Amino acid sequence: MSYGDPNNPYGAPQGQQPQQQQQPGYGYPQQQGQAPGYGYPQAPPVSPYGGPAAPTTMPSSVSAARVMMWVIVGLQVVGVVLLAFAAAALNAAKDDESLQDNTAFQDLVGQSTGVIWGYVVFGVAWLVFAAVLATKFKNGGNGARITILVFAIITAVLGIYPFVIIGLVHTILAVLVAVFVGNANGKAWFNRPRY
């Protein structure tokens, strides 16, 4: 069909030159200059295995949990040092000449010194375990995530019972670690594929 035929009823009106407009190609948007973000939302990136893409950087909640684990390690260092100092002071007081005659004090010191040294040994073991788990945040798998969850829950319980007053900070930090590692971001981070 040609616009040049004067008898064409679908042609340009008489006396006017036809204006050639380029039609957009098939599949191209009709409006140019539309700002991105309007219309349908963008789909999340897809991994080659068909699921959502694994995070490439550590989510902020998991990073915060790692920092809290290192704070727990630091608090345990302070606690172990204080308990060791208390046990050493009680041993020194047990040998003091002025307190040798006080049998009630000697019985108390004799029994409590061993308990305090037991707490020191347990504190050192728990400290080492916390430090190892804190290093597993970067490249640990789902087993590390589950171990961190169990560690955080046990730490929260231990912060409530034997160490009520000084364990309150441990309890709060441990609960936050468990929440941040146990949420969807933590699961996605620890279950990401490692190439």
N, C-alpha and C. Protein backbone atom coordinates (compact mmCIF):
# COMPACT_ATOMS: atom_id res chain seq x y z
N MET A 1 0.85 -1.15 0.00
CA MET A 1 0.00 0.00 0.00
C MET A 1 0.90 1.22 0.00
N SER A 2 0.57 2.19 -0.76
CA SER A 2 1.41 3.36 -0.91
C SER A 2 0.62 4.60 -0.57
N TYR A 3 1.31 5.51 0.09
CA TYR A 3 0.67 6.79 0.38
C TYR A 3 0.67 7.72 -0.83
N GLY A 4 1.41 7.36 -1.81
CA GLY A 4 1.54 8.22 -2.99
C GLY A 4 0.34 8.15 -3.93
N ASP A 5 -0.52 7.16 -3.82
CA ASP A 5 -1.68 7.01 -4.71
C ASP A 5 -2.76 7.99 -4.26
N PRO A 6 -3.18 8.92 -5.16
CA PRO A 6 -4.19 9.91 -4.75
C PRO A 6 -5.58 9.30 -4.57
N ASN A 7 -5.84 8.13 -5.13
CA ASN A 7 -7.15 7.51 -4.99
C ASN A 7 -7.23 6.55 -3.80
N ASN A 8 -6.18 6.45 -3.04
CA ASN A 8 -6.16 5.55 -1.88
C ASN A 8 -6.92 6.20 -0.73
N PRO A 9 -8.04 5.57 -0.29
CA PRO A 9 -8.82 6.19 0.80
C PRO A 9 -8.08 6.15 2.14
N TYR A 10 -7.08 5.29 2.24
CA TYR A 10 -6.34 5.19 3.50
C TYR A 10 -5.06 6.01 3.48
N GLY A 11 -4.80 6.72 2.45
CA GLY A 11 -3.58 7.47 2.29
C GLY A 11 -3.63 8.79 3.03
N ALA A 12 -2.56 9.54 2.88
CA ALA A 12 -2.48 10.86 3.51
C ALA A 12 -3.48 11.79 2.85
N PRO A 13 -4.01 12.72 3.61
CA PRO A 13 -4.96 13.68 3.02
C PRO A 13 -4.30 14.47 1.89
N GLN A 14 -5.14 14.92 0.94
CA GLN A 14 -4.63 15.63 -0.22
C GLN A 14 -3.98 16.94 0.21
N GLY A 15 -2.89 17.26 -0.40
CA GLY A 15 -2.20 18.51 -0.15
C GLY A 15 -1.16 18.39 0.95
N GLN A 16 -1.09 17.30 1.61
CA GLN A 16 -0.10 17.14 2.69
C GLN A 16 0.86 16.04 2.30
N GLN A 17 2.08 16.24 2.63
CA GLN A 17 3.08 15.23 2.37
C GLN A 17 3.00 14.18 3.48
N PRO A 18 3.11 12.93 3.14
CA PRO A 18 3.10 11.91 4.21
C PRO A 18 4.38 12.00 5.04
N GLN A 19 4.21 11.89 6.34
CA GLN A 19 5.35 11.91 7.25
C GLN A 19 5.70 10.48 7.62
N GLN A 20 6.93 10.17 7.42
CA GLN A 20 7.39 8.82 7.74
C GLN A 20 7.74 8.76 9.22
N GLN A 21 7.06 7.94 9.93
CA GLN A 21 7.39 7.71 11.34
C GLN A 21 7.89 6.29 11.46
N GLN A 22 8.93 6.15 12.23
CA GLN A 22 9.43 4.80 12.44
C GLN A 22 8.67 4.18 13.60
N GLN A 23 8.17 3.04 13.32
CA GLN A 23 7.48 2.30 14.37
C GLN A 23 8.51 1.54 15.19
N PRO A 24 8.31 1.46 16.49
CA PRO A 24 9.25 0.67 17.28
C PRO A 24 9.17 -0.80 16.89
N GLY A 25 10.28 -1.46 17.00
CA GLY A 25 10.35 -2.87 16.63
C GLY A 25 9.55 -3.74 17.59
N TYR A 26 9.39 -4.94 17.21
CA TYR A 26 8.63 -5.88 18.02
C TYR A 26 9.35 -6.14 19.35
N GLY A 27 8.63 -6.01 20.44
CA GLY A 27 9.18 -6.30 21.75
C GLY A 27 9.84 -5.11 22.43
N TYR A 28 9.93 -3.97 21.75
CA TYR A 28 10.54 -2.79 22.37
C TYR A 28 9.45 -1.99 23.07
N PRO A 29 9.79 -1.33 24.14
CA PRO A 29 8.75 -0.55 24.84
C PRO A 29 8.30 0.64 24.01
N GLN A 30 7.06 1.00 24.15
CA GLN A 30 6.48 2.09 23.38
C GLN A 30 6.96 3.45 23.89
N GLN A 31 7.21 3.55 25.19
CA GLN A 31 7.61 4.83 25.75
C GLN A 31 9.10 4.78 26.09
N GLN A 32 9.79 5.79 25.68
CA GLN A 32 11.19 5.88 26.02
C GLN A 32 11.34 6.80 27.22
N GLY A 33 12.35 6.56 28.02
CA GLY A 33 12.65 7.44 29.13
C GLY A 33 11.89 7.11 30.40
N GLN A 34 11.24 5.98 30.48
CA GLN A 34 10.54 5.63 31.70
C GLN A 34 11.56 5.27 32.76
N ALA A 35 11.36 5.81 33.94
CA ALA A 35 12.33 5.58 35.01
C ALA A 35 12.30 4.13 35.45
N PRO A 36 13.46 3.56 35.74
CA PRO A 36 13.46 2.17 36.21
C PRO A 36 12.81 2.08 37.59
N GLY A 37 12.27 0.96 37.87
CA GLY A 37 11.64 0.75 39.17
C GLY A 37 10.13 0.77 39.10
N TYR A 38 9.57 1.22 37.98
CA TYR A 38 8.13 1.22 37.84
C TYR A 38 7.69 -0.04 37.15
N GLY A 39 6.47 -0.43 37.38
CA GLY A 39 5.98 -1.63 36.73
C GLY A 39 6.21 -2.84 37.61
N TYR A 40 6.55 -3.92 37.00
CA TYR A 40 6.76 -5.15 37.74
C TYR A 40 8.12 -5.12 38.45
N PRO A 41 8.19 -5.70 39.63
CA PRO A 41 9.49 -5.72 40.32
C PRO A 41 10.46 -6.66 39.62
N GLN A 42 11.73 -6.37 39.80
CA GLN A 42 12.75 -7.21 39.22
C GLN A 42 12.82 -8.53 39.97
N ALA A 43 13.05 -9.57 39.27
CA ALA A 43 13.17 -10.89 39.89
C ALA A 43 14.54 -10.99 40.55
N PRO A 44 14.62 -11.70 41.67
CA PRO A 44 15.94 -11.87 42.29
C PRO A 44 16.84 -12.72 41.40
N PRO A 45 18.15 -12.55 41.54
CA PRO A 45 19.04 -13.37 40.72
C PRO A 45 18.86 -14.85 41.02
N VAL A 46 19.03 -15.65 40.00
CA VAL A 46 18.83 -17.08 40.13
C VAL A 46 20.17 -17.79 39.96
N SER A 47 20.40 -18.76 40.84
CA SER A 47 21.63 -19.53 40.73
C SER A 47 21.52 -20.51 39.58
N PRO A 48 22.63 -21.06 39.10
CA PRO A 48 22.56 -22.03 38.00
C PRO A 48 21.84 -23.30 38.40
N TYR A 49 21.62 -23.51 39.69
CA TYR A 49 20.97 -24.73 40.15
C TYR A 49 19.47 -24.57 40.30
N GLY A 50 18.94 -23.39 39.97
CA GLY A 50 17.50 -23.21 39.96
C GLY A 50 16.96 -22.49 41.17
N GLY A 51 17.68 -22.39 42.27
CA GLY A 51 17.19 -21.71 43.46
C GLY A 51 17.62 -20.25 43.45
N PRO A 52 17.30 -19.53 44.51
CA PRO A 52 17.76 -18.15 44.58
C PRO A 52 19.28 -18.12 44.71
N ALA A 53 19.87 -17.06 44.24
CA ALA A 53 21.33 -16.94 44.26
C ALA A 53 21.82 -16.83 45.69
N ALA A 54 22.95 -17.43 45.96
CA ALA A 54 23.54 -17.39 47.30
C ALA A 54 24.18 -16.02 47.52
N PRO A 55 24.16 -15.55 48.77
CA PRO A 55 24.78 -14.26 49.04
C PRO A 55 26.29 -14.34 48.83
N THR A 56 26.84 -13.28 48.27
CA THR A 56 28.28 -13.23 48.05
C THR A 56 29.01 -12.51 49.16
N THR A 57 28.29 -11.67 49.89
CA THR A 57 28.87 -11.01 51.06
C THR A 57 28.06 -11.39 52.28
N MET A 58 28.70 -11.36 53.43
CA MET A 58 28.04 -11.76 54.66
C MET A 58 26.93 -10.75 54.99
N PRO A 59 25.70 -11.23 55.23
CA PRO A 59 24.62 -10.31 55.61
C PRO A 59 24.96 -9.59 56.91
N SER A 60 24.39 -8.42 57.08
CA SER A 60 24.72 -7.60 58.25
C SER A 60 24.31 -8.27 59.55
N SER A 61 23.22 -9.02 59.55
CA SER A 61 22.81 -9.68 60.79
C SER A 61 23.80 -10.78 61.17
N VAL A 62 24.32 -11.50 60.21
CA VAL A 62 25.30 -12.54 60.48
C VAL A 62 26.62 -11.91 60.92
N SER A 63 26.98 -10.81 60.30
CA SER A 63 28.19 -10.10 60.71
C SER A 63 28.06 -9.58 62.14
N ALA A 64 26.88 -9.10 62.49
CA ALA A 64 26.64 -8.64 63.87
C ALA A 64 26.75 -9.82 64.84
N ALA A 65 26.25 -10.99 64.45
CA ALA A 65 26.36 -12.17 65.31
C ALA A 65 27.82 -12.56 65.52
N ARG A 66 28.64 -12.42 64.47
CA ARG A 66 30.06 -12.73 64.60
C ARG A 66 30.74 -11.77 65.57
N VAL A 67 30.40 -10.48 65.48
CA VAL A 67 30.96 -9.50 66.42
C VAL A 67 30.53 -9.83 67.85
N MET A 68 29.27 -10.22 68.02
CA MET A 68 28.78 -10.57 69.36
C MET A 68 29.49 -11.80 69.90
N MET A 69 29.83 -12.74 69.03
CA MET A 69 30.60 -13.91 69.49
C MET A 69 31.97 -13.48 69.99
N TRP A 70 32.61 -12.55 69.30
CA TRP A 70 33.91 -12.07 69.76
C TRP A 70 33.78 -11.28 71.05
N VAL A 71 32.66 -10.58 71.26
CA VAL A 71 32.43 -9.89 72.53
C VAL A 71 32.27 -10.92 73.65
N ILE A 72 31.55 -12.01 73.36
CA ILE A 72 31.42 -13.09 74.35
C ILE A 72 32.80 -13.65 74.70
N VAL A 73 33.66 -13.83 73.70
CA VAL A 73 35.01 -14.33 73.95
C VAL A 73 35.76 -13.36 74.87
N GLY A 74 35.66 -12.07 74.59
CA GLY A 74 36.33 -11.08 75.43
C GLY A 74 35.80 -11.06 76.85
N LEU A 75 34.49 -11.17 77.00
CA LEU A 75 33.91 -11.22 78.35
C LEU A 75 34.33 -12.48 79.10
N GLN A 76 34.47 -13.57 78.38
CA GLN A 76 34.91 -14.80 79.03
C GLN A 76 36.37 -14.71 79.47
N VAL A 77 37.19 -14.02 78.70
CA VAL A 77 38.58 -13.80 79.12
C VAL A 77 38.60 -13.02 80.44
N VAL A 78 37.80 -11.97 80.51
CA VAL A 78 37.73 -11.18 81.75
C VAL A 78 37.21 -12.04 82.90
N GLY A 79 36.19 -12.84 82.67
CA GLY A 79 35.63 -13.69 83.72
C GLY A 79 36.62 -14.74 84.20
N VAL A 80 37.34 -15.36 83.27
CA VAL A 80 38.33 -16.38 83.66
C VAL A 80 39.44 -15.74 84.49
N VAL A 81 39.89 -14.57 84.10
CA VAL A 81 40.95 -13.89 84.85
C VAL A 81 40.46 -13.54 86.26
N LEU A 82 39.24 -13.04 86.36
CA LEU A 82 38.70 -12.70 87.69
C LEU A 82 38.53 -13.94 88.57
N LEU A 83 38.03 -15.02 87.99
CA LEU A 83 37.87 -16.25 88.77
C LEU A 83 39.22 -16.82 89.20
N ALA A 84 40.19 -16.78 88.32
CA ALA A 84 41.53 -17.27 88.69
C ALA A 84 42.13 -16.41 89.79
N PHE A 85 41.93 -15.10 89.69
CA PHE A 85 42.43 -14.20 90.74
C PHE A 85 41.73 -14.49 92.07
N ALA A 86 40.42 -14.74 92.04
CA ALA A 86 39.68 -15.05 93.27
C ALA A 86 40.15 -16.37 93.87
N ALA A 87 40.39 -17.37 93.05
CA ALA A 87 40.87 -18.66 93.57
C ALA A 87 42.26 -18.51 94.17
N ALA A 88 43.12 -17.74 93.51
CA ALA A 88 44.47 -17.53 94.05
C ALA A 88 44.41 -16.75 95.35
N ALA A 89 43.52 -15.76 95.44
CA ALA A 89 43.38 -14.98 96.67
C ALA A 89 42.86 -15.84 97.81
N LEU A 90 41.94 -16.74 97.52
CA LEU A 90 41.42 -17.63 98.57
C LEU A 90 42.50 -18.61 99.03
N ASN A 91 43.30 -19.10 98.09
CA ASN A 91 44.42 -19.97 98.49
C ASN A 91 45.41 -19.23 99.37
N ALA A 92 45.67 -17.97 99.05
CA ALA A 92 46.59 -17.17 99.86
C ALA A 92 45.99 -16.89 101.23
N ALA A 93 44.67 -16.64 101.28
CA ALA A 93 44.02 -16.36 102.56
C ALA A 93 43.96 -17.61 103.42
N LYS A 94 43.90 -18.77 102.79
CA LYS A 94 43.87 -20.02 103.55
C LYS A 94 45.17 -20.24 104.32
N ASP A 95 46.27 -19.77 103.78
CA ASP A 95 47.57 -19.93 104.42
C ASP A 95 47.90 -18.79 105.38
N ASP A 96 47.03 -17.80 105.50
CA ASP A 96 47.28 -16.66 106.39
C ASP A 96 47.23 -17.12 107.85
N GLU A 97 48.21 -16.68 108.65
CA GLU A 97 48.31 -17.09 110.06
C GLU A 97 47.12 -16.64 110.89
N SER A 98 46.59 -15.46 110.61
CA SER A 98 45.49 -14.93 111.42
C SER A 98 44.19 -15.70 111.17
N LEU A 99 44.07 -16.32 110.03
CA LEU A 99 42.84 -17.05 109.70
C LEU A 99 42.97 -18.56 109.90
N GLN A 100 44.12 -19.03 110.39
CA GLN A 100 44.32 -20.46 110.61
C GLN A 100 43.40 -21.01 111.70
N ASP A 101 43.08 -20.17 112.68
CA ASP A 101 42.26 -20.64 113.80
C ASP A 101 40.77 -20.62 113.49
N ASN A 102 40.35 -19.91 112.46
CA ASN A 102 38.94 -19.81 112.12
C ASN A 102 38.55 -21.04 111.30
N THR A 103 37.91 -22.01 111.93
CA THR A 103 37.58 -23.27 111.26
C THR A 103 36.47 -23.11 110.22
N ALA A 104 35.54 -22.20 110.48
CA ALA A 104 34.45 -21.99 109.51
C ALA A 104 35.02 -21.42 108.20
N PHE A 105 35.96 -20.48 108.33
CA PHE A 105 36.58 -19.91 107.13
C PHE A 105 37.40 -20.96 106.40
N GLN A 106 38.12 -21.77 107.14
CA GLN A 106 38.97 -22.80 106.53
C GLN A 106 38.12 -23.84 105.79
N ASP A 107 36.97 -24.22 106.36
CA ASP A 107 36.07 -25.15 105.68
C ASP A 107 35.50 -24.54 104.40
N LEU A 108 35.13 -23.27 104.48
CA LEU A 108 34.57 -22.59 103.31
C LEU A 108 35.61 -22.46 102.21
N VAL A 109 36.82 -22.09 102.58
CA VAL A 109 37.88 -21.91 101.59
C VAL A 109 38.28 -23.26 101.00
N GLY A 110 38.35 -24.26 101.81
CA GLY A 110 38.76 -25.58 101.33
C GLY A 110 37.81 -26.14 100.30
N GLN A 111 36.52 -25.90 100.48
CA GLN A 111 35.55 -26.42 99.52
C GLN A 111 35.38 -25.51 98.31
N SER A 112 35.42 -24.22 98.53
CA SER A 112 35.13 -23.30 97.42
C SER A 112 36.31 -23.10 96.47
N THR A 113 37.52 -23.32 96.94
CA THR A 113 38.66 -23.13 96.06
C THR A 113 38.64 -24.12 94.90
N GLY A 114 38.34 -25.35 95.19
CA GLY A 114 38.26 -26.36 94.13
C GLY A 114 37.13 -26.07 93.15
N VAL A 115 36.01 -25.57 93.67
CA VAL A 115 34.88 -25.23 92.79
C VAL A 115 35.26 -24.05 91.88
N ILE A 116 35.93 -23.08 92.45
CA ILE A 116 36.32 -21.92 91.64
C ILE A 116 37.34 -22.32 90.57
N TRP A 117 38.30 -23.18 90.92
CA TRP A 117 39.25 -23.65 89.91
C TRP A 117 38.54 -24.48 88.84
N GLY A 118 37.50 -25.20 89.23
CA GLY A 118 36.68 -25.93 88.24
C GLY A 118 35.99 -24.97 87.28
N TYR A 119 35.47 -23.85 87.82
CA TYR A 119 34.86 -22.82 86.96
C TYR A 119 35.89 -22.21 86.02
N VAL A 120 37.12 -22.04 86.51
CA VAL A 120 38.18 -21.49 85.67
C VAL A 120 38.47 -22.42 84.49
N VAL A 121 38.58 -23.72 84.79
CA VAL A 121 38.86 -24.69 83.72
C VAL A 121 37.70 -24.73 82.72
N PHE A 122 36.47 -24.75 83.23
CA PHE A 122 35.30 -24.75 82.34
C PHE A 122 35.26 -23.46 81.53
N GLY A 123 35.58 -22.33 82.15
CA GLY A 123 35.57 -21.05 81.45
C GLY A 123 36.59 -21.00 80.33
N VAL A 124 37.78 -21.56 80.57
CA VAL A 124 38.81 -21.60 79.54
C VAL A 124 38.36 -22.48 78.37
N ALA A 125 37.77 -23.63 78.68
CA ALA A 125 37.30 -24.53 77.62
C ALA A 125 36.18 -23.86 76.81
N TRP A 126 35.25 -23.20 77.48
CA TRP A 126 34.14 -22.52 76.80
C TRP A 126 34.66 -21.33 76.00
N LEU A 127 35.70 -20.68 76.50
CA LEU A 127 36.32 -19.57 75.79
C LEU A 127 36.95 -20.03 74.49
N VAL A 128 37.68 -21.12 74.53
CA VAL A 128 38.32 -21.66 73.32
C VAL A 128 37.26 -22.10 72.31
N PHE A 129 36.21 -22.75 72.80
CA PHE A 129 35.12 -23.19 71.93
C PHE A 129 34.45 -21.99 71.26
N ALA A 130 34.21 -20.92 72.00
CA ALA A 130 33.58 -19.71 71.44
C ALA A 130 34.48 -19.06 70.39
N ALA A 131 35.80 -19.05 70.65
CA ALA A 131 36.73 -18.45 69.69
C ALA A 131 36.77 -19.26 68.40
N VAL A 132 36.75 -20.58 68.51
CA VAL A 132 36.75 -21.42 67.31
C VAL A 132 35.47 -21.20 66.50
N LEU A 133 34.33 -21.12 67.19
CA LEU A 133 33.07 -20.89 66.47
C LEU A 133 33.02 -19.51 65.84
N ALA A 134 33.62 -18.53 66.49
CA ALA A 134 33.62 -17.17 65.92
C ALA A 134 34.43 -17.12 64.63
N THR A 135 35.43 -17.98 64.52
CA THR A 135 36.21 -18.01 63.27
C THR A 135 35.48 -18.76 62.16
N LYS A 136 34.47 -19.54 62.48
CA LYS A 136 33.76 -20.35 61.48
C LYS A 136 32.68 -19.56 60.74
N PHE A 137 32.45 -18.30 61.11
CA PHE A 137 31.41 -17.52 60.44
C PHE A 137 31.74 -17.26 58.97
N LYS A 138 33.00 -17.11 58.65
CA LYS A 138 33.37 -16.74 57.28
C LYS A 138 33.21 -17.90 56.31
N ASN A 139 33.66 -19.10 56.68
CA ASN A 139 33.63 -20.19 55.71
C ASN A 139 33.01 -21.46 56.25
N GLY A 140 32.28 -21.38 57.35
CA GLY A 140 31.64 -22.56 57.91
C GLY A 140 30.37 -22.92 57.16
N GLY A 141 30.00 -24.18 57.22
CA GLY A 141 28.80 -24.66 56.55
C GLY A 141 27.62 -24.73 57.51
N ASN A 142 26.64 -25.53 57.14
CA ASN A 142 25.44 -25.65 57.95
C ASN A 142 25.74 -26.31 59.29
N GLY A 143 26.73 -27.20 59.36
CA GLY A 143 27.11 -27.79 60.64
C GLY A 143 27.63 -26.75 61.61
N ALA A 144 28.40 -25.79 61.10
CA ALA A 144 28.89 -24.69 61.94
C ALA A 144 27.72 -23.85 62.43
N ARG A 145 26.75 -23.62 61.57
CA ARG A 145 25.57 -22.84 61.96
C ARG A 145 24.81 -23.52 63.09
N ILE A 146 24.61 -24.82 62.97
CA ILE A 146 23.88 -25.55 64.01
C ILE A 146 24.68 -25.56 65.31
N THR A 147 26.00 -25.74 65.22
CA THR A 147 26.84 -25.72 66.41
C THR A 147 26.81 -24.35 67.08
N ILE A 148 26.83 -23.29 66.29
CA ILE A 148 26.75 -21.94 66.85
C ILE A 148 25.41 -21.73 67.53
N LEU A 149 24.34 -22.23 66.92
CA LEU A 149 23.01 -22.12 67.55
C LEU A 149 22.98 -22.84 68.90
N VAL A 150 23.49 -24.07 68.94
CA VAL A 150 23.49 -24.83 70.19
C VAL A 150 24.37 -24.13 71.24
N PHE A 151 25.53 -23.65 70.82
CA PHE A 151 26.43 -22.93 71.73
C PHE A 151 25.72 -21.70 72.31
N ALA A 152 25.04 -20.93 71.45
CA ALA A 152 24.37 -19.72 71.91
C ALA A 152 23.25 -20.04 72.89
N ILE A 153 22.51 -21.10 72.64
CA ILE A 153 21.41 -21.46 73.54
C ILE A 153 21.95 -21.91 74.89
N ILE A 154 22.99 -22.75 74.87
CA ILE A 154 23.58 -23.20 76.13
C ILE A 154 24.21 -22.03 76.89
N THR A 155 24.85 -21.11 76.18
CA THR A 155 25.43 -19.94 76.83
C THR A 155 24.35 -19.08 77.46
N ALA A 156 23.22 -18.93 76.79
CA ALA A 156 22.11 -18.15 77.35
C ALA A 156 21.58 -18.80 78.62
N VAL A 157 21.46 -20.13 78.62
CA VAL A 157 20.98 -20.84 79.81
C VAL A 157 21.99 -20.73 80.95
N LEU A 158 23.29 -20.90 80.64
CA LEU A 158 24.31 -20.79 81.67
C LEU A 158 24.42 -19.37 82.21
N GLY A 159 24.12 -18.39 81.38
CA GLY A 159 24.13 -17.01 81.85
C GLY A 159 22.99 -16.73 82.81
N ILE A 160 21.93 -17.51 82.73
CA ILE A 160 20.80 -17.31 83.64
C ILE A 160 21.05 -18.00 84.98
N TYR A 161 21.48 -19.27 84.95
CA TYR A 161 21.53 -20.00 86.21
C TYR A 161 22.77 -19.76 87.07
N PRO A 162 23.92 -20.28 86.75
CA PRO A 162 24.96 -20.13 87.77
C PRO A 162 25.50 -18.72 87.90
N PHE A 163 25.50 -17.97 86.80
CA PHE A 163 26.10 -16.64 86.82
C PHE A 163 25.02 -15.60 86.57
N VAL A 164 24.10 -15.44 87.52
CA VAL A 164 22.90 -14.64 87.29
C VAL A 164 23.23 -13.19 86.97
N ILE A 165 23.98 -12.52 87.81
CA ILE A 165 24.19 -11.09 87.63
C ILE A 165 25.18 -10.81 86.51
N ILE A 166 26.35 -11.45 86.57
CA ILE A 166 27.34 -11.19 85.53
C ILE A 166 27.01 -11.92 84.24
N GLY A 167 26.12 -12.89 84.30
CA GLY A 167 25.75 -13.65 83.10
C GLY A 167 24.66 -13.00 82.28
N LEU A 168 24.11 -11.89 82.76
CA LEU A 168 23.02 -11.24 82.03
C LEU A 168 23.48 -10.75 80.65
N VAL A 169 24.67 -10.18 80.58
CA VAL A 169 25.19 -9.71 79.29
C VAL A 169 25.43 -10.90 78.36
N HIS A 170 25.97 -11.99 78.91
CA HIS A 170 26.16 -13.21 78.12
C HIS A 170 24.82 -13.71 77.57
N THR A 171 23.80 -13.68 78.41
CA THR A 171 22.49 -14.18 78.01
C THR A 171 21.93 -13.35 76.85
N ILE A 172 22.00 -12.04 76.98
CA ILE A 172 21.47 -11.18 75.92
C ILE A 172 22.24 -11.37 74.61
N LEU A 173 23.56 -11.39 74.71
CA LEU A 173 24.37 -11.58 73.50
C LEU A 173 24.13 -12.95 72.86
N ALA A 174 24.01 -13.97 73.69
CA ALA A 174 23.80 -15.32 73.16
C ALA A 174 22.44 -15.45 72.49
N VAL A 175 21.43 -14.83 73.06
CA VAL A 175 20.10 -14.88 72.43
C VAL A 175 20.14 -14.17 71.08
N LEU A 176 20.82 -13.03 71.01
CA LEU A 176 20.92 -12.31 69.74
C LEU A 176 21.72 -13.11 68.70
N VAL A 177 22.77 -13.77 69.14
CA VAL A 177 23.54 -14.62 68.21
C VAL A 177 22.65 -15.73 67.67
N ALA A 178 21.88 -16.37 68.55
CA ALA A 178 20.99 -17.45 68.10
C ALA A 178 19.95 -16.95 67.12
N VAL A 179 19.40 -15.77 67.36
CA VAL A 179 18.38 -15.22 66.46
C VAL A 179 18.99 -14.87 65.11
N PHE A 180 20.15 -14.21 65.13
CA PHE A 180 20.76 -13.76 63.87
C PHE A 180 21.30 -14.92 63.04
N VAL A 181 21.79 -15.96 63.68
CA VAL A 181 22.31 -17.11 62.93
C VAL A 181 21.15 -18.01 62.48
N GLY A 182 20.08 -18.03 63.25
CA GLY A 182 18.96 -18.91 62.94
C GLY A 182 17.97 -18.35 61.94
N ASN A 183 18.05 -17.06 61.61
CA ASN A 183 17.06 -16.50 60.69
C ASN A 183 17.40 -16.88 59.23
N ALA A 184 16.60 -16.37 58.31
CA ALA A 184 16.76 -16.74 56.89
C ALA A 184 18.09 -16.27 56.32
N ASN A 185 18.56 -15.10 56.74
CA ASN A 185 19.86 -14.61 56.25
C ASN A 185 20.99 -15.52 56.72
N GLY A 186 20.92 -15.95 57.97
CA GLY A 186 21.95 -16.86 58.47
C GLY A 186 21.92 -18.19 57.76
N LYS A 187 20.72 -18.69 57.51
CA LYS A 187 20.61 -19.96 56.80
C LYS A 187 21.15 -19.85 55.38
N ALA A 188 20.82 -18.75 54.71
CA ALA A 188 21.31 -18.56 53.34
C ALA A 188 22.84 -18.41 53.32
N TRP A 189 23.40 -17.74 54.34
CA TRP A 189 24.85 -17.54 54.36
C TRP A 189 25.60 -18.85 54.61
N PHE A 190 25.15 -19.62 55.57
CA PHE A 190 25.88 -20.84 55.91
C PHE A 190 25.60 -21.99 54.92
N ASN A 191 24.50 -21.90 54.16
CA ASN A 191 24.20 -22.94 53.18
C ASN A 191 24.62 -22.56 51.77
N ARG A 192 25.32 -21.46 51.60
CA ARG A 192 25.72 -21.03 50.26
C ARG A 192 26.70 -22.04 49.67
N PRO A 193 26.70 -22.19 48.35
CA PRO A 193 27.67 -23.12 47.73
C PRO A 193 29.06 -22.50 47.76
N ARG A 194 30.04 -23.34 47.95
CA ARG A 194 31.43 -22.91 47.96
C ARG A 194 32.13 -23.57 46.78
N TYR A 195 32.66 -22.76 45.89
CA TYR A 195 33.26 -23.29 44.67
C TYR A 195 34.72 -23.48 44.84
